[in-house]
N, C-alpha and C. Protein backbone atom coordinates (compact mmCIF):
# COMPACT_ATOMS: atom_id res chain seq x y z
N MET A 1 1.08 -1.53 0.20
CA MET A 1 -0.08 -0.14 -0.50
C MET A 1 1.13 1.21 -0.04
N GLU A 2 0.55 1.98 -0.75
CA GLU A 2 1.01 2.85 -0.93
C GLU A 2 1.54 4.29 -0.09
N LYS A 3 2.21 4.82 0.98
CA LYS A 3 1.88 5.97 1.77
C LYS A 3 2.53 7.10 1.06
N THR A 4 1.63 8.40 2.00
CA THR A 4 2.05 9.60 1.74
C THR A 4 1.47 10.39 3.20
N TYR A 5 2.38 11.81 3.11
CA TYR A 5 3.39 11.96 3.50
C TYR A 5 3.04 14.00 3.14
N SER A 6 2.90 14.57 4.35
CA SER A 6 2.68 15.89 4.19
C SER A 6 3.78 16.82 4.31
N ILE A 7 4.69 17.22 3.12
CA ILE A 7 5.30 18.23 3.48
C ILE A 7 5.19 19.06 3.81
N TYR A 8 4.11 20.17 5.29
CA TYR A 8 3.84 21.83 5.27
C TYR A 8 5.19 22.76 4.82
N ASN A 9 4.97 24.22 3.97
CA ASN A 9 5.56 24.71 3.50
C ASN A 9 5.30 25.84 4.44
N PHE A 10 6.38 26.52 5.76
CA PHE A 10 5.81 27.72 6.37
C PHE A 10 6.07 28.97 5.39
N TYR A 11 6.42 29.13 4.58
CA TYR A 11 6.97 30.48 3.68
C TYR A 11 8.07 30.39 4.06
N ASN A 12 7.43 32.03 4.89
CA ASN A 12 8.32 32.84 5.25
C ASN A 12 8.51 33.11 7.45
N GLU A 13 7.21 32.32 7.70
CA GLU A 13 6.98 32.12 9.31
C GLU A 13 8.14 30.66 9.88
N GLU A 14 7.62 30.96 10.90
CA GLU A 14 8.35 30.14 11.88
C GLU A 14 7.43 28.87 11.75
N ILE A 15 9.18 27.81 11.52
CA ILE A 15 8.25 25.89 11.48
C ILE A 15 7.57 26.31 13.17
N ASP A 16 6.65 25.12 13.16
CA ASP A 16 5.82 24.80 14.16
C ASP A 16 5.89 23.47 14.52
N TRP A 17 7.58 23.18 14.78
CA TRP A 17 7.66 21.56 14.74
C TRP A 17 6.44 20.62 15.49
N GLU A 18 5.86 21.14 16.89
CA GLU A 18 4.67 21.23 17.52
C GLU A 18 3.34 20.15 16.54
N HIS A 19 3.84 21.14 15.29
CA HIS A 19 2.31 20.61 14.09
C HIS A 19 2.99 19.68 13.11
N VAL A 20 4.04 19.87 12.92
CA VAL A 20 4.52 18.97 11.91
C VAL A 20 4.42 17.24 12.05
N PRO A 21 3.92 16.82 10.75
CA PRO A 21 3.73 15.74 10.95
C PRO A 21 5.12 14.46 11.39
N ILE A 22 4.40 13.25 12.27
CA ILE A 22 6.20 12.22 12.45
C ILE A 22 5.69 11.30 11.28
N LEU A 23 6.30 11.70 10.61
CA LEU A 23 7.11 10.50 10.09
C LEU A 23 7.91 9.19 10.28
N ASN A 24 7.66 7.46 11.03
CA ASN A 24 8.22 6.69 11.19
C ASN A 24 9.02 5.65 10.07
N ILE A 25 9.65 5.72 10.55
CA ILE A 25 10.93 4.23 10.07
C ILE A 25 10.78 2.87 10.10
N GLU A 26 9.36 2.23 9.82
CA GLU A 26 8.98 1.08 11.04
C GLU A 26 9.54 -0.10 10.02
N GLU A 27 9.31 0.10 9.21
CA GLU A 27 9.23 -1.46 8.18
C GLU A 27 10.45 -2.05 8.02
N PHE A 28 10.38 -3.72 8.04
CA PHE A 28 11.98 -3.85 8.06
C PHE A 28 11.80 -5.14 7.24
N PRO A 29 11.90 -4.91 5.94
CA PRO A 29 11.54 -5.69 5.07
C PRO A 29 12.98 -7.24 4.67
N TRP A 30 13.66 -6.73 5.21
CA TRP A 30 14.67 -7.96 5.66
C TRP A 30 14.99 -8.31 7.14
N TYR A 31 14.00 -8.23 7.63
CA TYR A 31 14.94 -8.73 8.98
C TYR A 31 15.13 -9.73 9.35
N ILE A 32 16.06 -10.39 10.21
CA ILE A 32 16.74 -11.55 10.38
C ILE A 32 16.38 -11.24 12.08
N ARG A 33 16.99 -10.75 12.92
CA ARG A 33 17.24 -10.92 13.91
C ARG A 33 17.27 -9.45 14.62
N GLY A 34 17.42 -9.30 15.93
CA GLY A 34 17.59 -7.97 16.82
C GLY A 34 16.86 -7.06 17.27
N GLU A 35 16.63 -6.61 17.86
CA GLU A 35 15.33 -5.19 17.85
C GLU A 35 15.11 -4.38 17.18
N LYS A 36 14.35 -4.14 16.90
CA LYS A 36 13.61 -2.97 15.89
C LYS A 36 13.37 -1.44 16.77
N GLN A 37 14.50 -0.75 16.31
CA GLN A 37 15.00 0.51 17.12
C GLN A 37 14.68 1.23 15.86
N LEU A 38 13.10 2.18 16.51
CA LEU A 38 12.27 2.91 15.52
C LEU A 38 13.34 4.58 15.37
N THR A 39 12.75 4.34 14.07
CA THR A 39 13.48 6.38 13.98
C THR A 39 12.15 7.27 13.55
N ARG A 40 12.35 8.37 13.72
CA ARG A 40 11.00 9.30 13.64
C ARG A 40 11.46 10.56 13.02
N VAL A 41 10.94 10.92 11.71
CA VAL A 41 11.35 12.20 11.35
C VAL A 41 9.97 12.83 11.05
N GLN A 42 10.91 14.44 10.66
CA GLN A 42 10.31 15.32 10.76
C GLN A 42 10.37 16.19 9.04
N CYS A 43 9.46 16.74 8.44
CA CYS A 43 9.60 17.31 7.02
C CYS A 43 9.56 18.99 6.80
N ALA A 44 9.78 19.61 6.50
CA ALA A 44 8.99 20.95 6.55
C ALA A 44 10.05 21.52 5.51
N ILE A 45 9.24 22.76 5.10
CA ILE A 45 9.75 23.73 3.85
C ILE A 45 9.43 25.17 4.80
N LYS A 46 11.33 25.31 4.84
CA LYS A 46 11.28 27.49 4.79
C LYS A 46 11.52 28.02 4.05
N GLN A 47 11.58 28.96 3.42
CA GLN A 47 12.36 29.89 2.70
C GLN A 47 13.04 29.35 1.52
N GLU A 48 12.09 28.11 1.11
CA GLU A 48 12.66 27.47 0.26
C GLU A 48 13.94 26.37 0.35
N ILE A 49 13.55 26.71 1.65
CA ILE A 49 15.28 25.01 2.27
C ILE A 49 14.15 23.88 2.96
N LEU A 50 14.20 22.63 2.49
CA LEU A 50 13.92 21.61 3.63
C LEU A 50 14.45 21.72 4.74
N GLN A 51 13.90 21.31 5.47
CA GLN A 51 14.47 21.00 6.57
C GLN A 51 13.61 19.22 7.29
N MET A 52 14.89 19.04 7.48
CA MET A 52 14.26 17.49 8.51
C MET A 52 14.74 17.31 9.15
N LYS A 53 14.82 16.92 10.57
CA LYS A 53 14.42 16.37 11.61
C LYS A 53 14.75 14.99 12.02
N ILE A 54 15.92 14.02 12.51
CA ILE A 54 15.20 13.34 12.56
C ILE A 54 16.10 12.39 14.17
N HIS A 55 15.38 12.01 14.65
CA HIS A 55 15.19 10.98 16.01
C HIS A 55 15.38 9.90 15.52
N SER A 56 16.63 9.01 16.24
CA SER A 56 16.73 7.44 16.28
C SER A 56 17.17 6.49 17.55
N GLU A 57 16.95 5.86 17.53
CA GLU A 57 17.09 5.05 19.22
C GLU A 57 18.08 4.16 18.29
N ASP A 58 19.12 4.12 19.26
CA ASP A 58 20.70 2.98 18.88
C ASP A 58 21.49 2.68 19.73
N LYS A 59 21.24 1.86 19.79
CA LYS A 59 21.73 1.39 21.10
C LYS A 59 23.38 0.69 20.62
N TYR A 60 23.54 0.42 19.28
CA TYR A 60 25.00 -0.04 18.87
C TYR A 60 25.48 1.22 18.11
N ILE A 61 25.78 2.60 18.29
CA ILE A 61 26.07 4.13 17.77
C ILE A 61 27.74 3.36 16.95
N ARG A 62 27.71 3.55 15.32
CA ARG A 62 28.68 3.41 14.73
C ARG A 62 29.06 4.87 13.81
N ALA A 63 30.33 5.45 13.98
CA ALA A 63 30.28 7.07 13.13
C ALA A 63 31.62 6.85 12.76
N ASP A 64 32.27 5.97 11.54
CA ASP A 64 33.17 5.30 11.54
C ASP A 64 33.85 7.00 10.56
N ALA A 65 32.99 6.82 9.50
CA ALA A 65 33.03 8.13 8.12
C ALA A 65 33.14 9.28 8.34
N CYS A 66 34.00 9.87 8.23
CA CYS A 66 34.26 11.56 8.94
C CYS A 66 34.67 12.69 7.61
N LYS A 67 34.56 11.90 6.44
CA LYS A 67 34.66 12.82 5.05
C LYS A 67 33.57 12.68 4.36
N ASN A 68 33.01 13.75 3.67
CA ASN A 68 31.95 13.65 2.86
C ASN A 68 32.16 12.72 1.64
N ASN A 69 30.71 12.17 1.21
CA ASN A 69 31.27 11.29 0.13
C ASN A 69 32.20 10.51 0.16
N GLU A 70 31.95 9.44 1.77
CA GLU A 70 32.84 8.39 2.30
C GLU A 70 31.52 7.50 2.13
N PRO A 71 31.45 6.10 2.28
CA PRO A 71 30.58 5.09 2.30
C PRO A 71 29.43 5.39 3.74
N VAL A 72 28.92 6.03 4.22
CA VAL A 72 28.46 6.14 5.03
C VAL A 72 27.13 5.82 5.30
N TYR A 73 26.61 4.29 4.80
CA TYR A 73 26.14 3.70 4.64
C TYR A 73 26.52 2.68 6.31
N GLN A 74 27.67 2.58 5.77
CA GLN A 74 28.32 1.50 6.91
C GLN A 74 28.31 1.84 8.37
N ASP A 75 27.72 3.60 8.67
CA ASP A 75 27.63 3.53 9.74
C ASP A 75 26.14 3.36 10.55
N SER A 76 25.72 4.37 11.41
CA SER A 76 24.67 4.24 11.61
C SER A 76 23.82 5.28 11.39
N CYS A 77 23.05 5.59 9.94
CA CYS A 77 22.28 6.30 8.99
C CYS A 77 21.48 6.49 9.16
N PHE A 78 20.99 8.14 8.48
CA PHE A 78 19.83 7.70 8.06
C PHE A 78 20.02 8.44 6.12
N GLU A 79 18.99 8.09 5.36
CA GLU A 79 18.62 8.07 4.03
C GLU A 79 17.34 8.80 4.13
N CYS A 80 17.58 9.35 2.14
CA CYS A 80 16.26 10.08 2.28
C CYS A 80 16.84 10.10 0.81
N PHE A 81 15.76 9.26 -0.34
CA PHE A 81 15.61 9.08 -1.13
C PHE A 81 14.82 9.58 -2.03
N VAL A 82 15.05 10.70 -3.30
CA VAL A 82 13.78 11.55 -3.10
C VAL A 82 14.14 12.30 -4.66
N THR A 83 13.18 12.24 -5.06
CA THR A 83 12.04 12.61 -6.43
C THR A 83 11.61 13.68 -6.40
N PRO A 84 12.23 15.06 -6.76
CA PRO A 84 11.10 16.09 -5.72
C PRO A 84 10.34 16.78 -7.57
N SER A 85 9.69 15.54 -8.43
CA SER A 85 8.86 15.23 -9.44
C SER A 85 7.53 15.06 -9.33
N ASN A 86 6.99 15.40 -9.79
CA ASN A 86 5.56 14.78 -9.64
C ASN A 86 5.83 13.29 -11.19
N LYS A 87 6.26 12.53 -10.52
CA LYS A 87 6.98 10.91 -11.82
C LYS A 87 7.15 10.27 -10.81
N ARG A 88 7.00 9.52 -10.62
CA ARG A 88 7.29 8.21 -10.06
C ARG A 88 8.01 7.64 -10.50
N GLY A 89 9.40 7.11 -10.38
CA GLY A 89 10.29 6.38 -10.61
C GLY A 89 11.67 6.72 -11.91
N GLU A 90 10.95 8.19 -11.77
CA GLU A 90 12.43 8.67 -12.47
C GLU A 90 13.78 9.29 -11.80
N ALA A 91 14.26 9.80 -12.23
CA ALA A 91 15.67 9.91 -11.75
C ALA A 91 15.70 11.03 -10.09
N TYR A 92 16.08 10.90 -9.41
CA TYR A 92 15.77 10.91 -8.10
C TYR A 92 17.83 11.66 -7.17
N PHE A 93 17.53 11.80 -6.00
CA PHE A 93 18.67 12.56 -5.30
C PHE A 93 18.70 11.30 -4.05
N ASN A 94 19.87 10.57 -3.96
CA ASN A 94 20.58 9.67 -3.08
C ASN A 94 21.17 10.67 -1.78
N ILE A 95 20.47 10.53 -1.01
CA ILE A 95 20.79 11.57 0.40
C ILE A 95 21.93 10.50 2.04
N GLU A 96 22.75 10.95 2.05
CA GLU A 96 22.61 9.62 3.64
C GLU A 96 23.38 9.93 4.10
N ILE A 97 23.13 10.62 5.53
CA ILE A 97 23.87 11.38 6.70
C ILE A 97 24.18 10.56 7.90
N SER A 98 25.01 10.14 8.63
CA SER A 98 25.40 9.28 9.03
C SER A 98 25.14 9.90 10.17
N CYS A 99 25.30 9.29 11.88
CA CYS A 99 24.65 10.31 12.87
C CYS A 99 25.50 11.08 13.44
N ASN A 100 26.68 11.10 13.24
CA ASN A 100 28.02 12.29 13.09
C ASN A 100 28.06 13.09 12.29
N GLY A 101 26.91 13.40 11.92
CA GLY A 101 26.63 14.53 10.17
C GLY A 101 27.32 14.61 9.22
N THR A 102 27.86 13.13 9.01
CA THR A 102 28.91 13.54 7.98
C THR A 102 27.80 13.14 6.83
N ILE A 103 27.80 13.49 5.44
CA ILE A 103 26.51 13.18 4.63
C ILE A 103 27.61 12.54 3.14
N TYR A 104 26.68 11.64 2.66
CA TYR A 104 26.67 11.74 0.99
C TYR A 104 25.88 12.00 0.52
N MET A 105 25.99 12.47 -0.89
CA MET A 105 24.82 13.06 -2.08
C MET A 105 25.38 12.77 -3.58
N ALA A 106 24.44 11.59 -3.92
CA ALA A 106 24.00 11.83 -5.01
C ALA A 106 23.47 11.96 -6.31
N TYR A 107 23.09 12.17 -7.38
CA TYR A 107 22.10 12.34 -8.31
C TYR A 107 21.79 11.36 -9.32
N ARG A 108 21.09 10.81 -9.00
CA ARG A 108 20.84 9.22 -10.19
C ARG A 108 19.70 9.66 -12.04
N ASP A 109 20.24 10.48 -12.72
CA ASP A 109 19.64 10.00 -13.22
C ASP A 109 18.32 9.02 -14.43
N ASN A 110 17.98 10.08 -15.55
CA ASN A 110 17.06 8.80 -16.24
C ASN A 110 17.12 7.26 -16.89
N THR A 111 19.27 7.54 -16.78
CA THR A 111 19.61 6.56 -16.91
C THR A 111 21.11 6.16 -15.92
N ASN A 112 20.67 6.27 -15.18
CA ASN A 112 20.84 6.04 -13.64
C ASN A 112 22.54 6.12 -13.76
N ASP A 113 22.90 7.11 -14.34
CA ASP A 113 24.91 7.68 -13.98
C ASP A 113 24.23 8.09 -13.11
N LYS A 114 25.33 7.81 -12.34
CA LYS A 114 25.28 8.93 -10.97
C LYS A 114 26.29 10.35 -10.69
N ILE A 115 25.86 11.29 -10.78
CA ILE A 115 26.04 12.90 -10.46
C ILE A 115 25.95 12.99 -8.70
N MET A 116 28.28 13.07 -8.38
CA MET A 116 28.31 13.60 -7.06
C MET A 116 27.81 14.74 -6.76
N ALA A 117 27.24 15.31 -5.58
CA ALA A 117 27.62 16.52 -4.76
C ALA A 117 28.72 16.98 -5.07
N SER A 118 29.01 18.09 -5.60
CA SER A 118 30.23 18.86 -5.38
C SER A 118 30.50 19.30 -3.67
N ASP A 119 31.68 20.17 -3.82
CA ASP A 119 32.06 21.01 -2.40
C ASP A 119 30.84 21.75 -2.61
N GLU A 120 30.82 22.49 -3.54
CA GLU A 120 29.59 23.99 -3.41
C GLU A 120 28.41 23.45 -2.75
N ILE A 121 27.94 22.39 -3.74
CA ILE A 121 26.87 22.31 -3.31
C ILE A 121 26.59 21.52 -2.05
N LEU A 122 27.94 21.05 -1.45
CA LEU A 122 27.33 20.21 -0.31
C LEU A 122 27.82 21.87 1.22
N GLU A 123 28.73 22.35 0.42
CA GLU A 123 29.01 23.34 1.80
C GLU A 123 27.32 24.60 1.87
N GLN A 124 26.17 24.94 0.93
CA GLN A 124 25.14 25.01 1.29
C GLN A 124 24.62 24.09 1.98
N ILE A 125 24.27 22.88 2.72
CA ILE A 125 23.28 22.12 3.35
C ILE A 125 24.54 22.68 5.16
N GLU A 126 23.59 22.54 5.43
CA GLU A 126 23.62 22.61 7.39
C GLU A 126 22.44 21.13 8.15
N ILE A 127 23.96 20.74 8.75
CA ILE A 127 23.77 19.61 9.58
C ILE A 127 23.88 20.08 11.14
N VAL A 128 23.16 19.33 11.87
CA VAL A 128 23.19 20.14 12.93
C VAL A 128 23.02 18.26 13.77
N SER A 129 24.40 17.91 14.87
CA SER A 129 23.99 16.32 15.10
C SER A 129 24.31 16.33 16.12
N VAL A 130 23.41 15.29 17.18
CA VAL A 130 23.56 15.00 18.09
C VAL A 130 23.84 13.54 18.86
N ILE A 131 24.84 13.42 19.43
CA ILE A 131 24.52 11.97 19.64
C ILE A 131 24.91 11.59 21.20
N HIS A 132 24.13 10.79 22.05
CA HIS A 132 23.42 10.33 23.26
C HIS A 132 23.97 8.78 22.81
N PRO A 133 23.87 8.18 24.63
CA PRO A 133 24.74 6.72 24.75
C PRO A 133 23.67 5.72 23.63
N THR A 134 21.80 6.46 23.87
CA THR A 134 21.25 5.09 22.93
C THR A 134 20.33 6.05 22.43
N TYR A 135 20.53 7.46 21.89
CA TYR A 135 20.02 7.39 20.79
C TYR A 135 21.11 8.47 19.88
N TRP A 136 20.21 9.10 18.94
CA TRP A 136 21.37 10.68 18.42
C TRP A 136 20.20 11.28 17.25
N LYS A 137 20.21 12.29 17.13
CA LYS A 137 19.21 13.31 16.18
C LYS A 137 20.03 14.12 15.65
N LEU A 138 19.37 14.70 14.31
CA LEU A 138 20.09 14.70 12.95
C LEU A 138 19.17 16.44 12.70
N HIS A 139 19.25 17.20 12.40
CA HIS A 139 18.66 18.34 11.49
C HIS A 139 19.30 19.37 10.62
N VAL A 140 18.73 18.78 9.69
CA VAL A 140 19.31 18.88 8.47
C VAL A 140 18.76 20.05 7.63
N ARG A 141 19.69 20.85 6.87
CA ARG A 141 18.46 21.77 5.73
C ARG A 141 19.27 22.02 4.70
N ILE A 142 18.49 21.51 3.69
CA ILE A 142 18.46 21.49 2.36
C ILE A 142 18.11 22.16 1.02
N PRO A 143 18.76 23.67 0.99
CA PRO A 143 18.17 24.55 0.06
C PRO A 143 17.81 24.10 -1.42
N LEU A 144 16.32 24.39 -1.42
CA LEU A 144 16.18 23.56 -2.92
C LEU A 144 16.42 24.19 -3.92
N LYS A 145 17.61 25.14 -4.09
CA LYS A 145 18.05 25.68 -4.93
C LYS A 145 19.80 24.73 -5.23
N SER A 146 19.87 24.20 -3.99
CA SER A 146 21.39 23.05 -4.55
C SER A 146 20.76 21.52 -5.22
N LEU A 147 19.34 20.96 -5.21
CA LEU A 147 18.89 20.20 -5.96
C LEU A 147 18.64 20.74 -7.09
N GLU A 148 18.32 22.22 -7.31
CA GLU A 148 18.26 22.08 -8.84
C GLU A 148 19.25 22.79 -9.26
N MET A 149 20.23 22.86 -8.88
CA MET A 149 21.76 22.54 -9.52
C MET A 149 22.30 21.25 -10.13
N MET A 150 22.07 20.75 -9.44
CA MET A 150 22.91 19.59 -9.44
C MET A 150 22.12 18.40 -10.54
N SER A 151 20.46 18.80 -10.03
CA SER A 151 20.06 18.55 -11.09
C SER A 151 19.95 18.96 -13.03
N SER A 152 20.18 20.55 -12.86
CA SER A 152 20.08 20.62 -13.93
C SER A 152 18.00 21.13 -14.24
N THR A 153 16.85 20.83 -12.65
CA THR A 153 15.85 20.65 -13.44
C THR A 153 15.04 20.78 -12.30
N LYS A 154 14.00 21.59 -12.23
CA LYS A 154 13.52 22.80 -11.29
C LYS A 154 13.02 21.76 -10.59
N VAL A 155 12.58 22.13 -9.39
CA VAL A 155 12.51 21.03 -8.30
C VAL A 155 10.18 21.49 -8.14
N ASP A 156 9.67 20.23 -8.21
CA ASP A 156 8.44 20.74 -7.97
C ASP A 156 7.96 21.63 -6.54
N ARG A 157 6.50 21.69 -7.11
CA ARG A 157 6.14 23.14 -5.31
C ARG A 157 5.24 21.87 -4.96
N GLU A 158 4.39 21.00 -5.36
CA GLU A 158 3.64 20.54 -5.09
C GLU A 158 3.55 18.89 -4.45
N THR A 159 3.91 18.28 -5.27
CA THR A 159 4.18 16.92 -5.22
C THR A 159 5.79 15.59 -5.67
N TRP A 160 5.88 15.72 -4.65
CA TRP A 160 7.43 14.58 -5.02
C TRP A 160 7.10 12.86 -4.88
N TYR A 161 8.08 12.07 -4.74
CA TYR A 161 8.25 11.04 -4.48
C TYR A 161 9.24 10.37 -3.62
N GLY A 162 9.37 9.40 -2.56
CA GLY A 162 10.65 9.21 -1.60
C GLY A 162 10.28 8.01 -1.11
N ASN A 163 11.36 7.95 -0.74
CA ASN A 163 11.70 7.18 0.76
C ASN A 163 12.59 7.41 1.67
N PHE A 164 11.95 6.96 2.77
CA PHE A 164 13.13 7.03 3.96
C PHE A 164 13.92 5.84 4.62
N TYR A 165 15.12 6.11 4.71
CA TYR A 165 15.35 4.68 5.32
C TYR A 165 16.50 4.87 6.69
N ARG A 166 16.82 3.74 7.17
CA ARG A 166 17.55 3.79 8.31
C ARG A 166 18.88 2.31 8.09
N CYS A 167 19.62 2.92 8.56
CA CYS A 167 21.06 1.68 8.86
C CYS A 167 21.76 1.97 9.97
N GLY A 168 21.62 0.72 10.43
CA GLY A 168 21.71 0.62 11.57
C GLY A 168 23.95 0.59 11.92
N GLY A 169 24.84 0.45 10.72
CA GLY A 169 26.12 -0.63 10.63
C GLY A 169 26.04 -1.69 10.96
N LYS A 170 27.68 -2.32 10.99
CA LYS A 170 28.23 -3.55 11.25
C LYS A 170 27.32 -4.26 12.76
N GLU A 171 27.38 -3.77 13.62
CA GLU A 171 26.76 -4.68 14.70
C GLU A 171 25.30 -4.82 14.62
N ASP A 172 23.99 -4.11 13.75
CA ASP A 172 22.80 -4.03 13.86
C ASP A 172 22.73 -2.88 12.50
N ASP A 173 22.25 -4.60 11.61
CA ASP A 173 21.85 -4.08 9.76
C ASP A 173 20.73 -3.06 10.00
N GLN A 174 19.88 -3.61 10.67
CA GLN A 174 18.71 -2.42 10.78
C GLN A 174 17.52 -2.02 8.67
N TYR A 175 18.51 -2.33 7.89
CA TYR A 175 17.50 -1.77 7.47
C TYR A 175 16.34 -1.27 7.35
N ALA A 176 16.19 -0.92 7.58
CA ALA A 176 14.39 -0.29 7.62
C ALA A 176 13.78 0.64 6.74
N CYS A 177 12.84 1.02 6.35
CA CYS A 177 12.47 2.18 5.63
C CYS A 177 11.20 2.34 5.69
N TRP A 178 10.89 3.78 5.33
CA TRP A 178 9.41 4.33 5.72
C TRP A 178 8.01 3.55 4.34
N GLN A 179 8.63 3.51 3.48
CA GLN A 179 7.82 2.66 2.17
C GLN A 179 7.73 1.79 2.84
N ALA A 180 7.60 0.41 2.84
CA ALA A 180 7.59 -0.70 2.49
C ALA A 180 8.51 -1.18 1.29
N LEU A 181 8.87 -1.38 1.10
CA LEU A 181 9.72 -2.06 -0.12
C LEU A 181 9.66 -4.17 -0.65
N GLN A 182 9.27 -3.88 -1.55
CA GLN A 182 9.47 -5.40 -2.03
C GLN A 182 10.93 -5.61 -3.15
N ALA A 183 11.70 -6.47 -2.15
CA ALA A 183 12.88 -6.82 -3.61
C ALA A 183 13.39 -7.99 -2.25
N GLU A 184 14.33 -8.67 -2.86
CA GLU A 184 14.32 -10.51 -2.33
C GLU A 184 15.49 -9.96 -1.32
N LYS A 185 16.87 -9.07 -2.09
CA LYS A 185 17.65 -8.65 -0.84
C LYS A 185 18.19 -7.02 -0.50
N PRO A 186 18.35 -6.57 0.76
CA PRO A 186 18.25 -4.74 0.66
C PRO A 186 18.51 -4.15 -0.45
N ASN A 187 18.21 -3.33 -1.05
CA ASN A 187 17.76 -2.74 -1.82
C ASN A 187 17.12 -1.54 -1.70
N PHE A 188 17.63 0.13 -1.96
CA PHE A 188 17.15 1.21 -1.20
C PHE A 188 16.73 2.14 -2.42
N HIS A 189 16.83 1.65 -4.14
CA HIS A 189 17.61 1.86 -4.82
C HIS A 189 16.20 1.30 -5.56
N LEU A 190 15.03 1.98 -5.28
CA LEU A 190 13.76 1.51 -6.12
C LEU A 190 13.13 2.81 -6.18
N PRO A 191 13.18 3.73 -7.00
CA PRO A 191 12.32 4.81 -7.07
C PRO A 191 10.91 4.22 -7.49
N SER A 192 10.46 3.77 -8.48
CA SER A 192 9.16 3.04 -8.42
C SER A 192 8.15 2.22 -7.66
N GLN A 193 8.74 2.10 -6.33
CA GLN A 193 7.88 1.91 -5.09
C GLN A 193 8.51 2.73 -4.16
N PHE A 194 8.91 4.40 -4.48
CA PHE A 194 8.56 5.38 -3.40
C PHE A 194 7.20 5.43 -2.70
N GLY A 195 7.16 6.44 -1.62
CA GLY A 195 6.18 6.48 -1.57
C GLY A 195 5.73 8.21 -1.94
N LYS A 196 3.86 8.54 -1.70
CA LYS A 196 4.15 9.79 -1.64
C LYS A 196 4.18 10.72 -1.08
N LEU A 197 5.18 11.95 -1.27
CA LEU A 197 5.21 13.06 -0.56
C LEU A 197 3.96 14.37 -0.78
N GLU A 198 3.78 15.00 -0.09
CA GLU A 198 2.94 15.89 -0.42
C GLU A 198 3.34 17.10 0.12
N ILE A 199 3.52 18.26 -0.99
CA ILE A 199 3.94 19.70 -0.21
C ILE A 199 2.11 20.67 -0.28
N CYS A 200 2.26 21.51 1.16
CA CYS A 200 0.73 22.10 1.22
C CYS A 200 1.38 23.20 2.02
N GLU A 201 0.61 24.31 2.06
CA GLU A 201 0.62 24.87 3.28
C GLU A 201 0.49 24.86 4.19
N TYR A 202 0.90 26.00 5.32
CA TYR A 202 0.52 24.61 6.54
C TYR A 202 -0.11 25.83 6.95
N LYS A 203 -1.28 25.82 8.19
CA LYS A 203 -2.77 26.61 7.96
C LYS A 203 -3.15 26.59 9.20
């Protein structure tokens, strides 16, 4: 069943996080063993900047990657794959952020060619990381213009498609997702199975 999440656009107003919907990463399509630890996500837009707040329960925190565009998926990390247009299954952004704030970002076009984010793009993205013994939090700010610069395509302001994921590092695979996926082996790169993201004005 397709899931839908509303991303409120606050325009120039302060984001009222208490009223921003929570999205739970709680599907475990490749579960083998261990504790199913929850990740909660909130998304909103203010002044043409996508903001995401992430809170992940984590008893086995790993953060080895320390340089951007390193393989952060091997750490405790949050991932957001998004097609910022009203075309499911099309080109998408592959954004992965370790619990320590290290980011991997790529754009995969319709031929599945991969374009890595340049230093110029990454400098536009703000990430605040907080790590505790049993959980970690991220606050991420991604200007929409940075997505347009990478893709050379205007971002839709009404409908996107995407999925949100959680990896747990070597001690605790997790491989959790928001929108359930159908695949024999762990594979997040399935844009045809993305959920729907509706951008709407906060009232």
